[in-house]
Amino acid sequence: MIRFLLRKALGLVGVLLAISLVVYAVFYLAPGDPAQLACGEKCSPAQVLQVRERLGLDAPVHLQYAHFLQGIVAGRDFSAGTGLLHCPAPCLGVSYRSGEQVTDMIAARLPVTASLALGAMVIWLVLGVGTGLLSALRRGRLGERLLTALTLAGTAVPVFVIGLVLLIVLCAQLRWLPFPSYTPLTEDPQQWFWGLLLPWFSLALIESAKYARLTRSAVLETLAEDHIRTFRAYGVGERRLVTRHALRGALTPVIALTALDLGTMFGSAVLTESLFGLPGLGKLLVTSVGLIDLPTVVGLTLVTGFCVVLANVVADVLYAVTDRRVVLT
C-alpha cells in the first residue's frame, strides 16, 4: 500500500506540472496584455510598464514559470507599491485584477463547491445505484421499462433546465423551499442544508440517471458470469444473488465514474453555481478566463487536477476493498 501511494504521489506531481505548463503556454499565446488588464483602460503606457514590472511580467516566460513553481514550494514575495507582499507556500500567485492571493481566493470559495459536489454525489449515488439495482431485479417487467425510460429522459435534459423548473415550481409557486443561497456549515448547519438542497437535486437528478443505467448494465453483465450461474444452480435466490454477489462485482465501474465526476465537478460546476448564484470555484474560473487572469486560472486548474487525481487514487483503493480480485500496482 505504501509503495502504491508513493507511486501515485509522484504521478500526481507529474500531472500537475504538465497541467500548469500547458495552461501557461495557452494563456501566453492568448490575445490581451495582463498588465493592461490589471492597470485598467485609462492607464498610460508608463503606468502599464510599472504594473508589468510589479507583477514580474517583464521577465521571460520560462523565468515567470520558474518563479511560479518556486512560490508553490517555498513561497514568494511580490511588489506592492512601496513594500513587499509575502505569499506563503503553497503560493499560487496574485490575481492580476484584484491583487488578492490566489490561494486565499480559492480557499474562500472551495467550501461552496465542495459542499455542492459532495452533497450531490450522495444523492446521485443513492438514487442512481438504487434505481439501477431495482431495474436489474425487475428486468423484463413494466416497472423496468418505466425506469429505463425515466433514466433516458434524465440524461437528455440539461442541468439548467432542471434547475429552472425546480426553482419555479418549488420556490416561486409552491414555496416549499427557500431560494438557494450559501451559508457556511459552521455558522448554521440547518440553513446550509436548505440553501443547497435545490442545487444538489438539480445536479443529482441528471447524474443519477447515468449511474442508474451504468449500475443496471453492470449488474446484468455480472449475473451472466459463470460463478453466478453456479450459485443459481445451487439454489441461491435471485434477490440474494443480485444484492450480495452481482452488486459487489458491479460497483467497480460505479466507483471509477464517481471518482471522475467528483474530481471534475470542482472546476466544472459552472452552470449550477451561476444559475443559483453560488460563489464557488466554477464561477470564479469563468470570470478569470474572461479577464485573462493567468495566476487565478492556473491555480484553479491545478486544484481541479489535484482533485481528479486524488479522487482516482481513492477509487483505486476502493477497488481492492470491493473486489478482492483487484491488486494495487
Protein backbone atom coordinates (compact mmCIF):
# COMPACT_ATOMS: atom_id res chain seq x y z
CA MET A 1 0.00 0.00 0.00
CA ILE A 2 2.81 2.45 0.88
CA ARG A 3 4.60 1.79 -2.41
CA PHE A 4 1.32 2.24 -4.27
CA LEU A 5 0.64 5.61 -2.58
CA LEU A 6 4.21 6.80 -3.24
CA ARG A 7 3.89 5.98 -6.94
CA LYS A 8 0.56 7.79 -7.07
CA ALA A 9 2.08 10.82 -5.31
CA LEU A 10 4.88 11.02 -7.87
CA GLY A 11 2.34 10.66 -10.65
CA LEU A 12 0.28 13.46 -9.10
CA VAL A 13 3.29 15.80 -9.15
CA GLY A 14 3.96 14.98 -12.80
CA VAL A 15 0.33 15.54 -13.79
CA LEU A 16 0.17 18.90 -12.02
CA LEU A 17 3.43 20.05 -13.63
CA ALA A 18 2.12 19.12 -17.07
CA ILE A 19 -1.20 20.89 -16.43
CA SER A 20 0.47 24.09 -15.22
CA LEU A 21 2.88 24.09 -18.18
CA VAL A 22 0.07 23.67 -20.72
CA VAL A 23 -2.07 26.39 -19.12
CA TYR A 24 0.88 28.79 -19.04
CA ALA A 25 1.62 28.14 -22.71
CA VAL A 26 -2.02 28.59 -23.77
CA PHE A 27 -2.55 31.84 -21.89
CA TYR A 28 0.68 33.44 -23.02
CA LEU A 29 -0.40 32.79 -26.61
CA ALA A 30 -3.84 34.29 -25.92
CA PRO A 31 -4.57 37.88 -27.01
CA GLY A 32 -4.53 40.65 -24.44
CA ASP A 33 -1.96 42.25 -22.16
CA PRO A 34 -2.32 41.10 -18.50
CA ALA A 35 -0.56 44.27 -17.32
CA GLN A 36 -3.02 46.46 -19.23
CA LEU A 37 -5.94 44.46 -17.80
CA ALA A 38 -4.61 44.77 -14.27
CA CYS A 39 -3.97 48.51 -14.60
CA GLY A 40 -7.17 49.46 -16.44
CA GLU A 41 -8.10 51.02 -19.76
CA LYS A 42 -7.23 54.59 -18.70
CA CYS A 43 -3.64 53.82 -17.67
CA SER A 44 -0.81 55.48 -19.55
CA PRO A 45 1.98 53.39 -21.12
CA ALA A 46 4.27 54.38 -18.25
CA GLN A 47 1.76 53.15 -15.69
CA VAL A 48 1.27 49.88 -17.58
CA LEU A 49 5.05 49.44 -17.58
CA GLN A 50 5.15 49.92 -13.81
CA VAL A 51 2.40 47.34 -13.33
CA ARG A 52 4.24 44.92 -15.60
CA GLU A 53 7.39 45.27 -13.53
CA ARG A 54 5.49 44.96 -10.24
CA LEU A 55 3.80 41.73 -11.34
CA GLY A 56 7.01 40.31 -12.76
CA LEU A 57 5.60 40.19 -16.29
CA ASP A 58 8.72 41.82 -17.75
CA ALA A 59 10.75 38.64 -17.17
CA PRO A 60 10.99 35.89 -19.82
CA VAL A 61 8.17 33.34 -19.78
CA HIS A 62 10.35 30.48 -18.54
CA LEU A 63 11.55 32.59 -15.58
CA GLN A 64 7.97 33.52 -14.71
CA TYR A 65 7.04 29.85 -14.73
CA ALA A 66 10.07 29.00 -12.56
CA HIS A 67 9.07 31.70 -10.06
CA PHE A 68 5.56 30.27 -10.00
CA LEU A 69 6.89 26.80 -9.13
CA GLN A 70 9.17 28.32 -6.50
CA GLY A 71 6.17 30.00 -4.88
CA ILE A 72 4.35 26.70 -4.54
CA VAL A 73 7.29 25.07 -2.76
CA ALA A 74 8.85 27.91 -0.74
CA GLY A 75 6.59 30.96 -1.02
CA ARG A 76 7.21 34.17 -2.91
CA ASP A 77 7.43 37.94 -2.47
CA PHE A 78 5.52 40.37 -4.69
CA SER A 79 6.00 44.09 -5.08
CA ALA A 80 3.09 46.02 -3.54
CA GLY A 81 3.64 49.74 -4.01
CA THR A 82 6.42 50.82 -1.68
CA GLY A 83 6.71 47.46 0.11
CA LEU A 84 6.67 43.73 -0.46
CA LEU A 85 3.74 41.32 -0.22
CA HIS A 86 4.76 37.90 1.06
CA CYS A 87 2.77 34.98 -0.27
CA PRO A 88 3.48 31.88 1.86
CA ALA A 89 3.73 28.40 0.39
CA PRO A 90 1.84 26.97 -1.32
CA CYS A 91 1.65 30.26 -3.19
CA LEU A 92 -0.30 30.18 -6.46
CA GLY A 93 0.41 33.81 -7.27
CA VAL A 94 -1.51 37.08 -7.00
CA SER A 95 -4.54 37.92 -9.10
CA TYR A 96 -3.83 40.44 -11.85
CA ARG A 97 -7.23 42.05 -11.40
CA SER A 98 -7.97 42.12 -7.68
CA GLY A 99 -4.47 41.89 -6.21
CA GLU A 100 -5.62 39.10 -3.86
CA GLN A 101 -3.56 35.99 -3.28
CA VAL A 102 -4.93 33.19 -5.45
CA THR A 103 -4.63 30.73 -2.57
CA ASP A 104 -6.91 32.90 -0.44
CA MET A 105 -9.42 33.28 -3.28
CA ILE A 106 -9.59 29.53 -3.80
CA ALA A 107 -9.76 28.80 -0.06
CA ALA A 108 -12.71 31.19 0.31
CA ARG A 109 -14.69 29.51 -2.49
CA LEU A 110 -13.63 25.89 -2.06
CA PRO A 111 -16.17 25.11 0.73
CA VAL A 112 -19.00 26.21 -1.59
CA THR A 113 -18.01 23.87 -4.42
CA ALA A 114 -17.08 21.07 -2.03
CA SER A 115 -20.49 21.30 -0.34
CA LEU A 116 -22.22 21.29 -3.72
CA ALA A 117 -20.22 18.38 -5.13
CA LEU A 118 -20.25 16.10 -2.08
CA GLY A 119 -23.94 16.64 -1.31
CA ALA A 120 -24.95 15.99 -4.91
CA MET A 121 -22.72 12.90 -5.01
CA VAL A 122 -24.52 11.32 -2.05
CA ILE A 123 -27.91 11.90 -3.66
CA TRP A 124 -26.96 10.69 -7.14
CA LEU A 125 -25.35 7.53 -5.76
CA VAL A 126 -28.40 6.66 -3.65
CA LEU A 127 -30.85 7.39 -6.46
CA GLY A 128 -28.73 6.04 -9.31
CA VAL A 129 -27.47 2.81 -7.76
CA GLY A 130 -30.83 2.12 -6.16
CA THR A 131 -32.73 2.67 -9.41
CA GLY A 132 -30.24 0.61 -11.42
CA LEU A 133 -30.42 -2.25 -8.92
CA LEU A 134 -34.22 -2.18 -8.96
CA SER A 135 -34.21 -2.24 -12.77
CA ALA A 136 -31.93 -5.29 -12.75
CA LEU A 137 -34.19 -7.08 -10.26
CA ARG A 138 -37.29 -6.33 -12.35
CA ARG A 139 -35.77 -6.81 -15.79
CA GLY A 140 -38.32 -7.52 -18.49
CA ARG A 141 -41.23 -6.17 -16.46
CA LEU A 142 -43.25 -2.99 -16.89
CA GLY A 143 -41.56 -1.28 -13.95
CA GLU A 144 -38.14 -1.86 -15.50
CA ARG A 145 -39.28 -0.32 -18.79
CA LEU A 146 -40.61 2.75 -16.99
CA LEU A 147 -37.37 3.17 -15.03
CA THR A 148 -35.33 2.82 -18.23
CA ALA A 149 -37.47 5.49 -19.94
CA LEU A 150 -37.03 7.85 -16.98
CA THR A 151 -33.24 7.41 -16.95
CA LEU A 152 -33.06 8.05 -20.70
CA ALA A 153 -35.08 11.24 -20.24
CA GLY A 154 -32.90 12.27 -17.31
CA THR A 155 -29.68 12.04 -19.30
CA ALA A 156 -31.17 14.17 -22.12
CA VAL A 157 -32.28 17.16 -20.02
CA PRO A 158 -29.63 19.87 -19.34
CA VAL A 159 -28.92 20.81 -15.73
CA PHE A 160 -30.05 24.42 -16.18
CA VAL A 161 -33.48 23.26 -17.41
CA ILE A 162 -33.98 21.05 -14.36
CA GLY A 163 -32.70 23.82 -12.11
CA LEU A 164 -35.07 26.42 -13.59
CA VAL A 165 -38.06 24.07 -13.34
CA LEU A 166 -37.28 23.28 -9.70
CA LEU A 167 -36.82 26.98 -8.92
CA ILE A 168 -40.12 27.97 -10.50
CA VAL A 169 -42.17 25.10 -9.07
CA LEU A 170 -40.69 24.53 -5.60
CA CYS A 171 -39.56 28.05 -4.73
CA ALA A 172 -41.74 30.50 -6.65
CA GLN A 173 -45.09 28.70 -6.94
CA LEU A 174 -45.36 26.12 -4.15
CA ARG A 175 -42.89 27.90 -1.83
CA TRP A 176 -41.81 24.60 -0.30
CA LEU A 177 -38.13 25.58 -0.34
CA PRO A 178 -36.30 28.89 0.12
CA PHE A 179 -34.39 30.32 -2.81
CA PRO A 180 -30.89 28.79 -2.82
CA SER A 181 -28.09 30.60 -1.03
CA TYR A 182 -24.88 29.52 0.59
CA THR A 183 -24.47 29.65 4.36
CA PRO A 184 -21.28 28.19 5.85
CA LEU A 185 -21.84 24.87 7.58
CA THR A 186 -20.08 26.09 10.72
CA GLU A 187 -22.45 29.07 11.06
CA ASP A 188 -25.83 27.40 10.61
CA PRO A 189 -25.98 23.70 9.55
CA GLN A 190 -29.74 23.80 9.00
CA GLN A 191 -29.59 26.86 6.77
CA TRP A 192 -26.63 25.34 4.92
CA PHE A 193 -28.68 22.23 4.18
CA TRP A 194 -31.84 24.00 2.99
CA GLY A 195 -29.88 26.52 0.96
CA LEU A 196 -28.11 23.80 -1.04
CA LEU A 197 -30.92 21.23 -1.31
CA LEU A 198 -32.20 22.52 -4.66
CA PRO A 199 -28.74 22.76 -6.32
CA TRP A 200 -27.96 19.25 -5.03
CA PHE A 201 -31.03 17.77 -6.67
CA SER A 202 -30.51 19.74 -9.88
CA LEU A 203 -27.10 18.11 -10.30
CA ALA A 204 -28.05 14.73 -8.84
CA LEU A 205 -31.11 14.08 -10.99
CA ILE A 206 -29.04 14.15 -14.18
CA GLU A 207 -26.10 12.23 -12.72
CA SER A 208 -28.34 9.62 -11.08
CA ALA A 209 -29.84 8.75 -14.47
CA LYS A 210 -26.35 8.00 -15.79
CA TYR A 211 -25.49 5.90 -12.74
CA ALA A 212 -28.78 4.01 -12.94
CA ARG A 213 -28.03 2.90 -16.49
CA LEU A 214 -24.45 2.01 -15.59
CA THR A 215 -25.49 0.02 -12.50
CA ARG A 216 -28.20 -1.85 -14.37
CA SER A 217 -25.91 -2.90 -17.22
CA ALA A 218 -23.07 -3.82 -14.83
CA VAL A 219 -25.35 -5.93 -12.63
CA LEU A 220 -26.85 -7.76 -15.60
CA GLU A 221 -23.36 -8.38 -17.00
CA THR A 222 -22.20 -9.77 -13.66
CA LEU A 223 -25.28 -12.00 -13.43
CA ALA A 224 -24.22 -13.64 -16.69
CA GLU A 225 -20.83 -14.75 -15.30
CA ASP A 226 -20.03 -18.38 -14.53
CA HIS A 227 -19.82 -18.12 -10.75
CA ILE A 228 -23.28 -16.51 -10.61
CA ARG A 229 -24.71 -19.37 -12.66
CA THR A 230 -23.08 -21.77 -10.21
CA PHE A 231 -24.73 -20.02 -7.26
CA ARG A 232 -28.05 -20.14 -9.09
CA ALA A 233 -27.63 -23.86 -9.74
CA TYR A 234 -27.14 -24.43 -6.01
CA GLY A 235 -30.49 -22.77 -5.35
CA VAL A 236 -29.41 -19.30 -4.23
CA GLY A 237 -32.32 -16.87 -4.57
CA GLU A 238 -32.30 -14.21 -7.31
CA ARG A 239 -32.61 -11.30 -4.89
CA ARG A 240 -29.67 -12.55 -2.83
CA LEU A 241 -27.61 -13.11 -5.98
CA VAL A 242 -28.15 -9.52 -7.07
CA THR A 243 -27.71 -7.77 -3.72
CA ARG A 244 -24.84 -9.81 -2.26
CA HIS A 245 -22.86 -11.01 -5.28
CA ALA A 246 -23.73 -9.20 -8.52
CA LEU A 247 -23.90 -5.72 -6.98
CA ARG A 248 -20.48 -6.03 -5.36
CA GLY A 249 -18.88 -7.02 -8.65
CA ALA A 250 -20.73 -4.23 -10.47
CA LEU A 251 -19.50 -1.48 -8.14
CA THR A 252 -16.12 -1.16 -9.88
CA PRO A 253 -17.35 0.93 -12.86
CA VAL A 254 -19.57 2.95 -10.49
CA ILE A 255 -16.55 3.80 -8.32
CA ALA A 256 -14.50 4.77 -11.38
CA LEU A 257 -17.21 7.07 -12.72
CA THR A 258 -17.81 8.62 -9.30
CA ALA A 259 -14.12 9.45 -8.92
CA LEU A 260 -14.05 11.13 -12.32
CA ASP A 261 -17.29 13.07 -11.83
CA LEU A 262 -16.47 14.22 -8.32
CA GLY A 263 -12.98 15.39 -9.29
CA THR A 264 -14.02 17.32 -12.38
CA MET A 265 -17.00 18.87 -10.62
CA PHE A 266 -14.64 21.04 -8.57
CA GLY A 267 -13.93 23.04 -11.70
CA SER A 268 -16.92 22.36 -13.94
CA ALA A 269 -19.98 23.18 -11.79
CA VAL A 270 -20.24 26.45 -13.67
CA LEU A 271 -23.87 26.27 -14.80
CA THR A 272 -25.18 25.21 -11.41
CA GLU A 273 -23.23 27.84 -9.50
CA SER A 274 -24.21 30.57 -11.96
CA LEU A 275 -27.88 29.55 -12.01
CA PHE A 276 -28.24 29.55 -8.23
CA GLY A 277 -25.80 32.39 -7.52
CA LEU A 278 -23.33 30.25 -5.58
CA PRO A 279 -19.84 31.83 -5.23
CA GLY A 280 -17.87 28.66 -5.99
CA LEU A 281 -14.77 27.70 -7.95
CA GLY A 282 -16.57 27.19 -11.25
CA LYS A 283 -17.95 30.70 -11.31
CA LEU A 284 -14.54 32.10 -10.37
CA LEU A 285 -12.92 30.13 -13.20
CA VAL A 286 -15.25 31.55 -15.86
CA THR A 287 -14.67 35.10 -14.63
CA SER A 288 -10.90 34.64 -14.54
CA VAL A 289 -10.76 33.20 -18.07
CA GLY A 290 -12.72 36.17 -19.41
CA LEU A 291 -10.30 38.59 -17.72
CA ILE A 292 -7.19 36.61 -18.77
CA ASP A 293 -6.23 36.46 -15.11
CA LEU A 294 -3.43 33.91 -15.57
CA PRO A 295 -2.47 33.21 -11.91
CA THR A 296 -6.08 32.55 -10.92
CA VAL A 297 -6.73 30.31 -13.92
CA VAL A 298 -3.55 28.30 -13.34
CA GLY A 299 -4.33 27.97 -9.63
CA LEU A 300 -7.90 26.79 -10.25
CA THR A 301 -6.75 24.35 -12.93
CA LEU A 302 -4.15 22.87 -10.59
CA VAL A 303 -6.73 22.49 -7.82
CA THR A 304 -9.12 20.75 -10.22
CA GLY A 305 -6.34 18.46 -11.48
CA PHE A 306 -5.35 17.65 -7.91
CA CYS A 307 -8.95 16.74 -7.05
CA VAL A 308 -9.27 14.50 -10.12
CA VAL A 309 -6.03 12.60 -9.41
CA LEU A 310 -6.79 12.33 -5.69
CA ALA A 311 -10.29 11.01 -6.40
CA ASN A 312 -8.84 8.37 -8.74
CA VAL A 313 -6.32 7.28 -6.08
CA VAL A 314 -9.18 6.82 -3.62
CA ALA A 315 -11.08 4.91 -6.31
CA ASP A 316 -8.13 2.54 -6.83
CA VAL A 317 -8.10 1.77 -3.10
CA LEU A 318 -11.86 1.21 -3.08
CA TYR A 319 -11.48 -1.22 -6.00
CA ALA A 320 -9.43 -3.51 -3.80
CA VAL A 321 -11.91 -3.18 -0.94
CA THR A 322 -14.99 -4.04 -3.02
CA ASP A 323 -13.36 -6.62 -5.29
CA ARG A 324 -10.64 -8.84 -3.84
CA ARG A 325 -9.52 -9.84 -7.31
CA VAL A 326 -8.11 -6.33 -7.82
CA VAL A 327 -4.45 -5.90 -6.84
CA LEU A 328 -2.96 -2.46 -6.23
CA THR A 329 0.02 -1.98 -8.55
